[in-house]
Every structure is written in C-alpha cells, then in structure tokens.
Amino acid sequence: MPEIDHRAADATRRICIVGASGKLGQYMVQHALDRGYEVVAVCRERSVQKLHRFAGRIAIVPGPTNDRAVIRRAVEGCDGVLTVLVPWGVQQYASGTAQAVLDHAPEGARLVFSCGWHITRDGKDVYSPLFLAIVKILGWLARLVRVVELDDQVEACRRIFASDRAWTVVRGSDLEEGESQGLPVWSRHVGDPILKSNRTRRIDFALFMVAALDDDALIQEAPAIVGCQTPSALVHAVGETGRGAPIELRGTSA
C-alpha cells in the first residue's frame, strides 16, 4: 500500500475536481469549500457557466477532461484529485481521463474516482438479472446513438485497479436528490445485504467522495455505497448495535 504524506492540520488542502460542472461535481465543490479547501475545477468550456455560483471562490481550468495537457495543468500542486468518470461519447473519454489523472497527479496525492455499481473489481459482486438486463440494454442503446460508452468506463477502472497510486473508486447506487442524510455506508461487494436498498442521495455520494480523501482505510478499495438512512442500512445498524436507533457509520466492509 502506498504511503500517504498527510499535510499539517493548519495547511490549506488544494483539491482538483475533474468533472466539476455536473450535479455530482457541483456538490463535491460545495463540500470541499465547506471544509476550507482550495478548489481547482475542471470542466468542458461550454459548461463553465454552470459553476457561476462559485465565482471568486474556485479556480477553473476549462477543457475536455481527457485532455492530458488540461489535466496536467489542473492537478499541479494538488493534494487530492476527485474525478467523475463520465463515459461520454465513443472516444475513450473515461479511460483517457483516468489515465491522465493517474499519470499527472502529484506523487502522494489521494485519487478518488466515481462510477456506478456495474463496475466490479474482483468479480465477486452479485447482480440481479434485472440489473444486468438494464445495463446491457442501456449500454447497447447508448453505443447506437454514440452518446455513452460504458465499456470505456470499465476500462478506466481496470487501469485504476492496476495502478499502485493511492486510489479509491467509489461505486454509486441509484441516485436521488434531496437534503443530506449523512455519510453513506459501504461494502466491498454489490449483493451484500446492507446495499439492498440501492439508493443514495447525490449530495451524499459527493460527501463520501470528499470524505474519502481523509480515510486511509479506503486506499485501493472500491466501496459500493448506499444511503445511511435507507432501510437496508438501518437494518444493518440494528443488527450491529442491537437497537433500532440509527448509528453513524463511516463505512463497513464485507
């Protein structure tokens, strides 16, 4: 496991958020600012206006996130890089983005990537027939219209898993909007009972991404997450504590 160079408590952490203009990215920007971090945001030039509410509080590097020159400039001097692996188009967008981050992020930086449950690290995830059918159909339709390339997101994660960097790949369940319920709970494998509810608030997905920067237990892990207030998470909490009151979990492994 790579050694992490933790900065002094009074130092300002510099964080790069790749894919900052999307809904998840904007939540990550807000969480990072709330923690007092210096934020560098990367997004496509036509999406810069989506970050207008953060004007004067963040630095923006416009450009395609799979552009190695853009990423090299953005991650310079950063202590952590949060990356939304979006499988746009059919030009290896996700894998190009992941590779650029792996290659250019400073040595010792924490690298946290986001993807969906369909990504598996060790083949031990258990998916329902319905889930597999939906992924297959959506992937086929997306390729047909040349909008999304799910296979490239798989390739992006394969490259991350093979890396010796201090990475975390956060695998999100179905997302919904709403007020924060707190830090999601996690398990190593889709199919574990705690994940049954398959629902996470998008704002809390972003919270988990930012919190992962400081959680060494997540280094070189691919946690699958679910909302901490979902029925399956609460059932797990009851089983762990012997009482029905919700508990705060930083994470739980299978």
Protein backbone atom coordinates (compact mmCIF):
# COMPACT_ATOMS: atom_id res chain seq x y z
CA MET A 1 0.00 0.00 0.00
CA PRO A 2 1.43 3.43 -0.92
CA GLU A 3 2.49 5.78 1.85
CA ILE A 4 0.44 8.93 2.21
CA ASP A 5 2.07 12.22 3.08
CA HIS A 6 -0.53 13.85 5.35
CA ARG A 7 -0.35 17.60 5.42
CA ALA A 8 -0.25 19.65 8.60
CA ALA A 9 -3.63 20.34 10.13
CA ASP A 10 -3.30 24.09 9.64
CA ALA A 11 -2.32 23.82 5.97
CA THR A 12 -4.83 24.59 3.23
CA ARG A 13 -5.50 21.49 1.18
CA ARG A 14 -5.58 22.00 -2.57
CA ILE A 15 -8.11 19.78 -4.34
CA CYS A 16 -8.76 19.28 -8.03
CA ILE A 17 -12.28 18.24 -9.04
CA VAL A 18 -12.42 16.77 -12.54
CA GLY A 19 -15.93 16.97 -13.99
CA ALA A 20 -16.95 19.75 -11.63
CA SER A 21 -19.83 21.19 -13.65
CA GLY A 22 -22.17 18.19 -13.34
CA LYS A 23 -24.60 17.72 -10.46
CA LEU A 24 -22.25 15.41 -8.57
CA GLY A 25 -19.27 17.65 -9.29
CA GLN A 26 -21.02 20.76 -8.01
CA TYR A 27 -21.91 19.03 -4.77
CA MET A 28 -18.27 17.99 -4.38
CA VAL A 29 -17.16 21.57 -4.95
CA GLN A 30 -19.51 22.77 -2.21
CA HIS A 31 -18.42 20.08 0.26
CA ALA A 32 -14.75 20.86 -0.42
CA LEU A 33 -15.29 24.60 0.08
CA ASP A 34 -17.21 23.90 3.30
CA ARG A 35 -14.08 22.14 4.56
CA GLY A 36 -11.93 25.13 3.71
CA TYR A 37 -10.16 23.50 0.77
CA GLU A 38 -8.69 25.38 -2.14
CA VAL A 39 -10.52 24.07 -5.21
CA VAL A 40 -9.43 23.77 -8.83
CA ALA A 41 -12.33 22.75 -11.06
CA VAL A 42 -12.05 21.10 -14.48
CA CYS A 43 -14.94 21.04 -16.92
CA ARG A 44 -15.65 21.41 -20.61
CA GLU A 45 -15.53 25.01 -21.78
CA ARG A 46 -19.21 25.13 -22.66
CA SER A 47 -20.10 24.11 -19.10
CA VAL A 48 -18.10 26.76 -17.25
CA GLN A 49 -21.23 28.86 -16.69
CA LYS A 50 -22.68 26.07 -14.53
CA LEU A 51 -20.06 26.97 -11.93
CA HIS A 52 -21.02 30.66 -11.85
CA ARG A 53 -22.30 30.47 -8.25
CA PHE A 54 -18.76 29.61 -7.14
CA ALA A 55 -17.23 32.62 -8.90
CA GLY A 56 -14.32 34.07 -6.97
CA ARG A 57 -14.08 31.02 -4.71
CA ILE A 58 -12.56 28.46 -7.08
CA ALA A 59 -10.11 28.32 -9.96
CA ILE A 60 -11.46 26.86 -13.21
CA VAL A 61 -9.44 25.07 -15.87
CA PRO A 62 -11.68 24.70 -18.94
CA GLY A 63 -11.23 21.88 -21.42
CA PRO A 64 -12.00 18.22 -22.11
CA THR A 65 -11.20 16.11 -19.08
CA ASN A 66 -9.42 13.54 -21.24
CA ASP A 67 -7.02 16.22 -22.50
CA ARG A 68 -3.71 15.37 -20.83
CA ALA A 69 -2.47 18.96 -21.01
CA VAL A 70 -5.61 20.22 -19.28
CA ILE A 71 -5.30 17.64 -16.50
CA ARG A 72 -1.57 18.23 -16.07
CA ARG A 73 -2.19 21.94 -15.55
CA ALA A 74 -5.15 21.43 -13.22
CA VAL A 75 -3.64 18.86 -10.84
CA GLU A 76 -0.32 20.64 -10.35
CA GLY A 77 0.34 21.08 -6.64
CA CYS A 78 -2.86 19.28 -5.59
CA ASP A 79 -3.08 17.06 -2.51
CA GLY A 80 -6.13 15.23 -3.82
CA VAL A 81 -8.00 14.72 -7.09
CA LEU A 82 -11.70 13.87 -7.25
CA THR A 83 -12.72 12.56 -10.67
CA VAL A 84 -16.16 11.87 -12.12
CA LEU A 85 -15.66 9.07 -14.64
CA VAL A 86 -18.22 10.02 -17.27
CA PRO A 87 -18.31 7.63 -20.25
CA TRP A 88 -19.19 10.34 -22.79
CA GLY A 89 -19.05 9.54 -26.50
CA VAL A 90 -17.07 6.77 -28.14
CA GLN A 91 -13.59 8.26 -27.95
CA GLN A 92 -12.30 6.67 -24.74
CA TYR A 93 -13.30 9.69 -22.70
CA ALA A 94 -13.44 7.95 -19.31
CA SER A 95 -10.27 5.90 -19.75
CA GLY A 96 -8.43 8.90 -21.17
CA THR A 97 -9.47 10.99 -18.16
CA ALA A 98 -8.46 8.29 -15.68
CA GLN A 99 -5.09 7.74 -17.34
CA ALA A 100 -4.32 11.46 -17.40
CA VAL A 101 -5.06 11.73 -13.68
CA LEU A 102 -3.00 8.64 -12.86
CA ASP A 103 -0.08 9.95 -14.90
CA HIS A 104 -0.05 13.59 -13.86
CA ALA A 105 -1.36 13.83 -10.28
CA PRO A 106 1.47 14.64 -7.85
CA GLU A 107 3.14 11.75 -6.09
CA GLY A 108 1.37 11.05 -2.80
CA ALA A 109 -1.90 12.70 -3.86
CA ARG A 110 -5.13 10.93 -2.93
CA LEU A 111 -7.09 10.00 -6.05
CA VAL A 112 -10.82 9.34 -5.73
CA PHE A 113 -12.92 8.29 -8.72
CA SER A 114 -16.68 7.86 -9.11
CA CYS A 115 -18.58 5.27 -11.15
CA GLY A 116 -21.65 3.03 -10.92
CA TRP A 117 -22.37 -0.35 -9.40
CA HIS A 118 -21.83 -2.07 -12.76
CA ILE A 119 -18.08 -1.80 -12.22
CA THR A 120 -16.59 -4.84 -10.47
CA ARG A 121 -13.09 -5.14 -9.12
CA ASP A 122 -12.76 -8.84 -8.31
CA GLY A 123 -15.76 -10.43 -10.00
CA LYS A 124 -17.40 -11.25 -6.66
CA ASP A 125 -20.25 -8.74 -6.99
CA VAL A 126 -23.69 -10.32 -7.33
CA TYR A 127 -26.14 -8.58 -9.65
CA SER A 128 -29.82 -9.28 -10.17
CA PRO A 129 -30.95 -10.41 -13.65
CA LEU A 130 -32.93 -7.16 -13.95
CA PHE A 131 -29.86 -5.05 -13.18
CA LEU A 132 -27.77 -6.92 -15.74
CA ALA A 133 -30.50 -6.58 -18.36
CA ILE A 134 -30.82 -2.84 -17.77
CA VAL A 135 -27.06 -2.30 -18.04
CA LYS A 136 -26.92 -4.34 -21.23
CA ILE A 137 -29.84 -2.56 -22.88
CA LEU A 138 -28.73 0.93 -21.86
CA GLY A 139 -25.19 0.20 -22.99
CA TRP A 140 -26.41 -1.02 -26.38
CA LEU A 141 -28.71 1.98 -26.90
CA ALA A 142 -26.00 4.43 -25.83
CA ARG A 143 -23.49 2.96 -28.27
CA LEU A 144 -26.10 3.02 -31.01
CA VAL A 145 -26.56 6.77 -30.71
CA ARG A 146 -22.86 7.29 -29.91
CA VAL A 147 -23.56 9.12 -26.64
CA VAL A 148 -22.14 6.91 -23.90
CA GLU A 149 -19.56 4.12 -23.86
CA LEU A 150 -19.99 2.04 -20.70
CA ASP A 151 -17.25 -0.38 -21.73
CA ASP A 152 -14.78 2.51 -21.62
CA GLN A 153 -15.74 3.24 -18.02
CA VAL A 154 -14.93 -0.40 -17.28
CA GLU A 155 -11.56 0.07 -18.99
CA ALA A 156 -10.94 3.24 -16.99
CA CYS A 157 -11.47 1.37 -13.74
CA ARG A 158 -9.32 -1.55 -14.91
CA ARG A 159 -6.44 0.91 -15.29
CA ILE A 160 -7.07 2.41 -11.88
CA PHE A 161 -7.22 -1.01 -10.19
CA ALA A 162 -3.88 -1.93 -11.80
CA SER A 163 -2.23 1.25 -10.52
CA ASP A 164 -0.07 1.47 -7.40
CA ARG A 165 -1.35 5.01 -6.70
CA ALA A 166 -3.37 5.90 -3.59
CA TRP A 167 -6.73 5.49 -5.33
CA THR A 168 -10.31 4.86 -4.31
CA VAL A 169 -13.12 4.01 -6.74
CA VAL A 170 -16.49 4.90 -5.24
CA ARG A 171 -19.30 2.88 -6.81
CA GLY A 172 -22.66 4.62 -6.50
CA SER A 173 -26.11 3.07 -6.30
CA ASP A 174 -29.18 4.70 -7.90
CA LEU A 175 -29.10 8.40 -7.09
CA GLU A 176 -31.81 10.76 -5.94
CA GLU A 177 -31.97 14.41 -4.99
CA GLY A 178 -32.81 15.66 -1.52
CA GLU A 179 -31.24 17.02 1.64
CA SER A 180 -28.20 15.28 3.03
CA GLN A 181 -28.84 12.23 5.21
CA GLY A 182 -25.19 11.90 6.23
CA LEU A 183 -22.21 9.88 5.13
CA PRO A 184 -23.25 6.76 3.18
CA VAL A 185 -22.27 3.28 4.35
CA TRP A 186 -20.40 0.87 2.13
CA SER A 187 -19.46 -2.69 1.40
CA ARG A 188 -16.89 -4.33 -0.86
CA HIS A 189 -19.40 -6.25 -2.96
CA VAL A 190 -22.69 -5.42 -4.64
CA GLY A 191 -25.20 -8.00 -3.45
CA ASP A 192 -24.32 -7.65 0.24
CA PRO A 193 -27.49 -7.16 2.36
CA ILE A 194 -26.54 -3.67 3.55
CA LEU A 195 -26.75 -2.41 -0.06
CA LYS A 196 -30.17 -3.88 -0.86
CA SER A 197 -31.99 -0.51 -0.86
CA ASN A 198 -29.88 0.63 -3.85
CA ARG A 199 -30.46 4.32 -3.18
CA THR A 200 -28.18 7.22 -2.27
CA ARG A 201 -28.71 10.96 -2.18
CA ARG A 202 -26.48 12.58 -4.79
CA ILE A 203 -25.33 15.16 -2.25
CA ASP A 204 -24.19 12.30 0.00
CA PHE A 205 -22.39 10.50 -2.83
CA ALA A 206 -20.39 13.71 -3.18
CA LEU A 207 -19.87 13.81 0.59
CA PHE A 208 -18.41 10.28 0.52
CA MET A 209 -16.07 11.26 -2.31
CA VAL A 210 -14.70 14.23 -0.36
CA ALA A 211 -14.52 12.31 2.92
CA ALA A 212 -12.55 9.53 1.21
CA LEU A 213 -9.63 11.94 0.87
CA ASP A 214 -9.01 11.55 4.61
CA ASP A 215 -9.90 7.88 5.02
CA ASP A 216 -6.81 5.71 4.64
CA ALA A 217 -8.97 2.59 5.07
CA LEU A 218 -10.36 3.32 1.58
CA ILE A 219 -6.99 3.37 -0.18
CA GLN A 220 -7.05 0.88 -3.05
CA GLU A 221 -10.66 -0.05 -2.24
CA ALA A 222 -13.74 0.07 -4.48
CA PRO A 223 -16.55 0.70 -1.98
CA ALA A 224 -20.13 0.25 -3.15
CA ILE A 225 -22.24 2.75 -1.24
CA VAL A 226 -25.82 3.19 -0.10
CA GLY A 227 -27.56 5.93 1.86
CA CYS A 228 -27.09 5.62 5.63
CA GLN A 229 -30.81 6.19 6.25
CA THR A 230 -32.10 3.66 3.70
CA PRO A 231 -33.98 0.61 5.03
CA SER A 232 -31.17 -1.85 4.33
CA ALA A 233 -28.58 0.37 6.04
CA LEU A 234 -30.84 0.81 9.08
CA VAL A 235 -31.48 -2.94 9.31
CA HIS A 236 -27.72 -3.44 9.30
CA ALA A 237 -27.37 -0.82 12.04
CA VAL A 238 -29.93 -2.63 14.18
CA GLY A 239 -28.08 -5.90 13.68
CA GLU A 240 -24.77 -4.32 14.63
CA THR A 241 -25.99 -2.43 17.69
CA GLY A 242 -28.98 -4.44 18.93
CA ARG A 243 -31.19 -1.33 18.92
CA GLY A 244 -33.31 0.44 16.38
CA ALA A 245 -31.78 3.89 16.60
CA PRO A 246 -29.73 4.91 13.52
CA ILE A 247 -25.97 4.95 14.05
CA GLU A 248 -23.34 6.91 12.22
CA LEU A 249 -21.13 4.65 10.13
CA ARG A 250 -18.00 5.81 8.38
CA GLY A 251 -18.09 2.55 6.47
CA THR A 252 -18.48 -1.15 6.83
CA SER A 253 -16.72 -3.86 4.90
CA ALA A 254 -17.99 -7.27 3.98
